[in-house]
Amino acid sequence: MYLGIDQSLTSTGITIYDGIDFVYKLLKTEKTKGTKCPTIDYTRRLLSLKSQINEVLDEYNITYAAMEGMSYGSRGSTIFDLGGLSHIIRELLISKEIDFIIVPPKTLKKYWTGSGNANKSDMVKVAEDEDYNINILKNYATKKNPDIRPDDNIVDSLALCRFLDDYKSGLLNSYEDIIERSWDM
């Protein structure tokens, strides 16, 4: 059982693949309204996501996982929280003895779309064109003029899951020096 995970404090995308079928999940947390302790609230949200991910790992008996690496070009304080989320997930996978890979963002985009500079819309278009039956949708426009498409967090987790499947099948040997593998620890 393979797991692709697109990390986010608000909407973490999960794709589970058993070699035949895909299962999609979107894990969510919300900010505590009116908090005077935003950094502690972020920690609460990180722990909530860890718990939700742990339930998925147990429910589906995951054997391998893929997650996106950090975007080193990102700015702002959110990068610290995403770094915390990344390491909490890594700790969880290691503690459950689940082997995982870390795929750099540009590598994932190039694998999925053919361009390392692809945007969210490009990533979603590939999933739509391939018809992966993603049942978790998002409105990318307005209520008046909706643009309902597959959720980009799910699409990223699907791309990670497909990357992992191709990598484990020996189809992506050229990526050996680009990705990180937990089994190299």
C-alpha atoms as a PDB file:
ATOM      1  CA  MET A   1       0.000   0.000   0.000  1.00  0.00           C
ATOM      2  CA  TYR A   2       1.439   3.324  -1.102  1.00  0.00           C
ATOM      3  CA  LEU A   3       0.691   6.744   0.342  1.00  0.00           C
ATOM      4  CA  GLY A   4       1.235  10.138  -1.271  1.00  0.00           C
ATOM      5  CA  ILE A   5       0.956  13.081   1.091  1.00  0.00           C
ATOM      6  CA  ASP A   6       0.804  16.772   0.195  1.00  0.00           C
ATOM      7  CA  GLN A   7       1.439  18.632   3.432  1.00  0.00           C
ATOM      8  CA  SER A   8      -0.537  21.705   4.424  1.00  0.00           C
ATOM      9  CA  LEU A   9      -1.786  23.119   7.709  1.00  0.00           C
ATOM     10  CA  THR A  10      -5.208  23.797   6.227  1.00  0.00           C
ATOM     11  CA  SER A  11      -5.776  20.982   3.690  1.00  0.00           C
ATOM     12  CA  THR A  12      -3.394  18.031   3.653  1.00  0.00           C
ATOM     13  CA  GLY A  13      -3.986  15.890   0.583  1.00  0.00           C
ATOM     14  CA  ILE A  14      -3.709  12.116   0.900  1.00  0.00           C
ATOM     15  CA  THR A  15      -3.765   9.479  -1.828  1.00  0.00           C
ATOM     16  CA  ILE A  16      -3.621   5.761  -1.036  1.00  0.00           C
ATOM     17  CA  TYR A  17      -2.854   3.291  -3.825  1.00  0.00           C
ATOM     18  CA  ASP A  18      -3.066  -0.495  -3.641  1.00  0.00           C
ATOM     19  CA  GLY A  19      -1.817  -1.151  -7.169  1.00  0.00           C
ATOM     20  CA  ILE A  20      -5.334  -1.027  -8.628  1.00  0.00           C
ATOM     21  CA  ASP A  21      -7.479   1.635  -6.950  1.00  0.00           C
ATOM     22  CA  PHE A  22      -6.894   5.086  -5.515  1.00  0.00           C
ATOM     23  CA  VAL A  23      -8.476   6.397  -2.314  1.00  0.00           C
ATOM     24  CA  TYR A  24      -8.428  10.154  -1.685  1.00  0.00           C
ATOM     25  CA  LYS A  25      -8.678  11.973   1.628  1.00  0.00           C
ATOM     26  CA  LEU A  26      -8.402  15.632   2.591  1.00  0.00           C
ATOM     27  CA  LEU A  27      -7.323  16.271   6.182  1.00  0.00           C
ATOM     28  CA  LYS A  28      -8.207  19.689   7.549  1.00  0.00           C
ATOM     29  CA  THR A  29      -7.471  21.894  10.518  1.00  0.00           C
ATOM     30  CA  GLU A  30      -8.653  25.385  11.301  1.00  0.00           C
ATOM     31  CA  LYS A  31      -7.110  28.294  13.137  1.00  0.00           C
ATOM     32  CA  THR A  32      -8.511  29.022  16.574  1.00  0.00           C
ATOM     33  CA  LYS A  33     -10.423  32.251  16.170  1.00  0.00           C
ATOM     34  CA  GLY A  34      -9.284  35.169  18.291  1.00  0.00           C
ATOM     35  CA  THR A  35      -6.289  33.366  19.758  1.00  0.00           C
ATOM     36  CA  LYS A  36      -3.567  35.392  21.424  1.00  0.00           C
ATOM     37  CA  CYS A  37      -1.153  32.472  20.938  1.00  0.00           C
ATOM     38  CA  PRO A  38      -0.921  31.805  17.187  1.00  0.00           C
ATOM     39  CA  THR A  39       2.313  29.793  17.435  1.00  0.00           C
ATOM     40  CA  ILE A  40       0.795  27.484  20.045  1.00  0.00           C
ATOM     41  CA  ASP A  41      -2.315  27.186  17.869  1.00  0.00           C
ATOM     42  CA  TYR A  42      -0.105  26.075  14.961  1.00  0.00           C
ATOM     43  CA  THR A  43       1.366  23.397  17.227  1.00  0.00           C
ATOM     44  CA  ARG A  44      -2.150  22.223  18.097  1.00  0.00           C
ATOM     45  CA  ARG A  45      -2.935  21.985  14.385  1.00  0.00           C
ATOM     46  CA  LEU A  46       0.292  20.068  13.707  1.00  0.00           C
ATOM     47  CA  LEU A  47      -0.592  17.536  16.386  1.00  0.00           C
ATOM     48  CA  SER A  48      -4.119  17.207  15.008  1.00  0.00           C
ATOM     49  CA  LEU A  49      -2.738  16.443  11.538  1.00  0.00           C
ATOM     50  CA  LYS A  50      -0.283  13.935  12.992  1.00  0.00           C
ATOM     51  CA  SER A  51      -3.168  12.133  14.684  1.00  0.00           C
ATOM     52  CA  GLN A  52      -5.272  12.131  11.501  1.00  0.00           C
ATOM     53  CA  ILE A  53      -2.348  10.838   9.412  1.00  0.00           C
ATOM     54  CA  ASN A  54      -1.653   8.140  11.999  1.00  0.00           C
ATOM     55  CA  GLU A  55      -5.257   6.925  11.634  1.00  0.00           C
ATOM     56  CA  VAL A  56      -4.820   6.693   7.838  1.00  0.00           C
ATOM     57  CA  LEU A  57      -1.530   4.801   8.206  1.00  0.00           C
ATOM     58  CA  ASP A  58      -3.159   2.281  10.534  1.00  0.00           C
ATOM     59  CA  GLU A  59      -6.398   1.936   8.564  1.00  0.00           C
ATOM     60  CA  TYR A  60      -4.668   1.208   5.250  1.00  0.00           C
ATOM     61  CA  ASN A  61      -1.555  -0.619   6.493  1.00  0.00           C
ATOM     62  CA  ILE A  62       0.746   1.644   4.471  1.00  0.00           C
ATOM     63  CA  THR A  63       4.104   0.127   3.463  1.00  0.00           C
ATOM     64  CA  TYR A  64       5.693   3.011   1.516  1.00  0.00           C
ATOM     65  CA  ALA A  65       5.060   6.749   1.438  1.00  0.00           C
ATOM     66  CA  ALA A  66       6.089   9.746  -0.655  1.00  0.00           C
ATOM     67  CA  MET A  67       6.009  13.337   0.442  1.00  0.00           C
ATOM     68  CA  GLU A  68       7.038  16.576  -1.172  1.00  0.00           C
ATOM     69  CA  GLY A  69      10.215  18.227   0.012  1.00  0.00           C
ATOM     70  CA  MET A  70      10.358  21.775   1.268  1.00  0.00           C
ATOM     71  CA  SER A  71      10.162  24.651  -1.183  1.00  0.00           C
ATOM     72  CA  TYR A  72      13.295  26.592  -0.338  1.00  0.00           C
ATOM     73  CA  GLY A  73      12.101  29.606  -2.317  1.00  0.00           C
ATOM     74  CA  SER A  74       9.069  30.087  -0.044  1.00  0.00           C
ATOM     75  CA  ARG A  75       8.854  33.113   2.213  1.00  0.00           C
ATOM     76  CA  GLY A  76       7.072  34.145   5.353  1.00  0.00           C
ATOM     77  CA  SER A  77       6.537  32.594   8.760  1.00  0.00           C
ATOM     78  CA  THR A  78       4.416  29.765   7.340  1.00  0.00           C
ATOM     79  CA  ILE A  79       7.597  28.086   6.126  1.00  0.00           C
ATOM     80  CA  PHE A  80       8.511  27.316   9.756  1.00  0.00           C
ATOM     81  CA  ASP A  81       5.147  25.681  10.389  1.00  0.00           C
ATOM     82  CA  LEU A  82       5.384  23.637   7.192  1.00  0.00           C
ATOM     83  CA  GLY A  83       8.890  22.575   8.234  1.00  0.00           C
ATOM     84  CA  GLY A  84       7.445  21.455  11.560  1.00  0.00           C
ATOM     85  CA  LEU A  85       4.686  19.531   9.782  1.00  0.00           C
ATOM     86  CA  SER A  86       7.207  17.861   7.491  1.00  0.00           C
ATOM     87  CA  HIS A  87       9.309  16.678  10.409  1.00  0.00           C
ATOM     88  CA  ILE A  88       6.306  15.521  12.450  1.00  0.00           C
ATOM     89  CA  ILE A  89       5.194  13.384   9.495  1.00  0.00           C
ATOM     90  CA  ARG A  90       8.728  12.037   8.993  1.00  0.00           C
ATOM     91  CA  GLU A  91       8.918  11.156  12.700  1.00  0.00           C
ATOM     92  CA  LEU A  92       5.579   9.364  12.478  1.00  0.00           C
ATOM     93  CA  LEU A  93       6.652   7.343   9.412  1.00  0.00           C
ATOM     94  CA  ILE A  94       9.970   6.401  11.011  1.00  0.00           C
ATOM     95  CA  SER A  95       8.299   5.366  14.278  1.00  0.00           C
ATOM     96  CA  LYS A  96       5.922   3.108  12.317  1.00  0.00           C
ATOM     97  CA  GLU A  97       8.844   1.715  10.261  1.00  0.00           C
ATOM     98  CA  ILE A  98       7.296   2.907   6.993  1.00  0.00           C
ATOM     99  CA  ASP A  99       9.873   3.562   4.285  1.00  0.00           C
ATOM    100  CA  PHE A 100       9.411   6.884   2.515  1.00  0.00           C
ATOM    101  CA  ILE A 101      10.880   9.170  -0.093  1.00  0.00           C
ATOM    102  CA  ILE A 102      11.105  12.953  -0.218  1.00  0.00           C
ATOM    103  CA  VAL A 103      10.545  14.379  -3.712  1.00  0.00           C
ATOM    104  CA  PRO A 104      11.708  17.958  -4.442  1.00  0.00           C
ATOM    105  CA  PRO A 105       8.840  20.214  -5.612  1.00  0.00           C
ATOM    106  CA  LYS A 106      10.329  20.976  -9.056  1.00  0.00           C
ATOM    107  CA  THR A 107      11.058  17.280  -9.596  1.00  0.00           C
ATOM    108  CA  LEU A 108       7.449  16.367  -8.844  1.00  0.00           C
ATOM    109  CA  LYS A 109       6.144  19.073 -11.198  1.00  0.00           C
ATOM    110  CA  LYS A 110       8.468  17.973 -13.993  1.00  0.00           C
ATOM    111  CA  TYR A 111       7.485  14.317 -13.491  1.00  0.00           C
ATOM    112  CA  TRP A 112       3.742  15.107 -13.514  1.00  0.00           C
ATOM    113  CA  THR A 113       3.519  17.834 -16.184  1.00  0.00           C
ATOM    114  CA  GLY A 114       6.844  17.805 -18.038  1.00  0.00           C
ATOM    115  CA  SER A 115       7.770  21.237 -16.642  1.00  0.00           C
ATOM    116  CA  GLY A 116       9.486  22.014 -13.343  1.00  0.00           C
ATOM    117  CA  ASN A 117       7.797  25.422 -13.380  1.00  0.00           C
ATOM    118  CA  ALA A 118       4.224  24.097 -13.618  1.00  0.00           C
ATOM    119  CA  ASN A 119       1.566  25.803 -11.509  1.00  0.00           C
ATOM    120  CA  LYS A 120      -1.404  24.329  -9.614  1.00  0.00           C
ATOM    121  CA  SER A 121      -3.661  24.623 -12.641  1.00  0.00           C
ATOM    122  CA  ASP A 122      -1.181  22.665 -14.793  1.00  0.00           C
ATOM    123  CA  MET A 123      -1.004  19.921 -12.173  1.00  0.00           C
ATOM    124  CA  VAL A 124      -4.816  19.707 -11.931  1.00  0.00           C
ATOM    125  CA  LYS A 125      -5.183  19.598 -15.734  1.00  0.00           C
ATOM    126  CA  VAL A 126      -3.020  16.453 -15.947  1.00  0.00           C
ATOM    127  CA  ALA A 127      -5.213  14.726 -13.349  1.00  0.00           C
ATOM    128  CA  GLU A 128      -8.340  15.768 -15.256  1.00  0.00           C
ATOM    129  CA  ASP A 129      -6.918  14.637 -18.615  1.00  0.00           C
ATOM    130  CA  GLU A 130      -5.941  11.247 -17.190  1.00  0.00           C
ATOM    131  CA  ASP A 131      -9.343  10.943 -15.455  1.00  0.00           C
ATOM    132  CA  TYR A 132      -8.263   9.696 -12.042  1.00  0.00           C
ATOM    133  CA  ASN A 133     -11.822  10.016 -10.696  1.00  0.00           C
ATOM    134  CA  ILE A 134     -10.917  12.483  -7.983  1.00  0.00           C
ATOM    135  CA  ASN A 135     -14.078  12.979  -5.952  1.00  0.00           C
ATOM    136  CA  ILE A 136     -12.771  15.804  -3.757  1.00  0.00           C
ATOM    137  CA  LEU A 137     -13.362  19.045  -5.604  1.00  0.00           C
ATOM    138  CA  LYS A 138     -12.573  22.698  -5.060  1.00  0.00           C
ATOM    139  CA  ASN A 139     -14.028  25.918  -6.482  1.00  0.00           C
ATOM    140  CA  TYR A 140     -11.201  27.918  -8.057  1.00  0.00           C
ATOM    141  CA  ALA A 141     -13.414  30.868  -9.001  1.00  0.00           C
ATOM    142  CA  THR A 142     -16.424  32.494  -7.323  1.00  0.00           C
ATOM    143  CA  LYS A 143     -19.892  31.405  -6.249  1.00  0.00           C
ATOM    144  CA  LYS A 144     -21.362  33.305  -9.167  1.00  0.00           C
ATOM    145  CA  ASN A 145     -18.900  31.942 -11.726  1.00  0.00           C
ATOM    146  CA  PRO A 146     -17.702  28.629 -10.327  1.00  0.00           C
ATOM    147  CA  ASP A 147     -14.756  26.643 -11.658  1.00  0.00           C
ATOM    148  CA  ILE A 148     -15.139  23.294  -9.911  1.00  0.00           C
ATOM    149  CA  ARG A 149     -12.087  21.092 -10.414  1.00  0.00           C
ATOM    150  CA  PRO A 150     -10.169  18.411  -8.492  1.00  0.00           C
ATOM    151  CA  ASP A 151      -8.609  19.775  -5.296  1.00  0.00           C
ATOM    152  CA  ASP A 152      -4.959  20.681  -5.954  1.00  0.00           C
ATOM    153  CA  ASN A 153      -3.859  19.176  -2.617  1.00  0.00           C
ATOM    154  CA  ILE A 154      -5.320  15.827  -3.690  1.00  0.00           C
ATOM    155  CA  VAL A 155      -3.736  16.151  -7.140  1.00  0.00           C
ATOM    156  CA  ASP A 156      -0.300  16.758  -5.594  1.00  0.00           C
ATOM    157  CA  SER A 157      -0.713  13.729  -3.317  1.00  0.00           C
ATOM    158  CA  LEU A 158      -1.788  11.663  -6.346  1.00  0.00           C
ATOM    159  CA  ALA A 159       1.293  12.807  -8.293  1.00  0.00           C
ATOM    160  CA  LEU A 160       3.469  11.794  -5.324  1.00  0.00           C
ATOM    161  CA  CYS A 161       1.766   8.399  -5.133  1.00  0.00           C
ATOM    162  CA  ARG A 162       2.241   7.801  -8.883  1.00  0.00           C
ATOM    163  CA  PHE A 163       5.885   8.918  -8.606  1.00  0.00           C
ATOM    164  CA  LEU A 164       6.409   6.427  -5.761  1.00  0.00           C
ATOM    165  CA  ASP A 165       4.766   3.623  -7.737  1.00  0.00           C
ATOM    166  CA  ASP A 166       6.908   4.309 -10.818  1.00  0.00           C
ATOM    167  CA  TYR A 167      10.025   4.656  -8.661  1.00  0.00           C
ATOM    168  CA  LYS A 168       9.412   1.367  -6.814  1.00  0.00           C
ATOM    169  CA  SER A 169       8.712  -0.311 -10.192  1.00  0.00           C
ATOM    170  CA  GLY A 170      12.196   0.702 -11.391  1.00  0.00           C
ATOM    171  CA  LEU A 171      10.924   3.178 -13.972  1.00  0.00           C
ATOM    172  CA  LEU A 172      12.606   6.247 -12.475  1.00  0.00           C
ATOM    173  CA  ASN A 173      16.227   5.225 -11.937  1.00  0.00           C
ATOM    174  CA  SER A 174      17.349   8.625 -13.207  1.00  0.00           C
ATOM    175  CA  TYR A 175      15.948  10.159  -9.995  1.00  0.00           C
ATOM    176  CA  GLU A 176      18.262   8.204  -7.668  1.00  0.00           C
ATOM    177  CA  ASP A 177      20.453  11.225  -6.855  1.00  0.00           C
ATOM    178  CA  ILE A 178      17.576  13.714  -6.594  1.00  0.00           C
ATOM    179  CA  ILE A 179      15.279  12.182  -4.004  1.00  0.00           C
ATOM    180  CA  GLU A 180      15.882  11.336  -0.367  1.00  0.00           C
ATOM    181  CA  ARG A 181      15.093   7.805   0.831  1.00  0.00           C
ATOM    182  CA  SER A 182      14.504   6.870   4.446  1.00  0.00           C
ATOM    183  CA  TRP A 183      16.040   3.459   3.824  1.00  0.00           C
ATOM    184  CA  ASP A 184      19.386   5.208   3.209  1.00  0.00           C
ATOM    185  CA  MET A 185      19.547   6.354   6.855  1.00  0.00           C
END
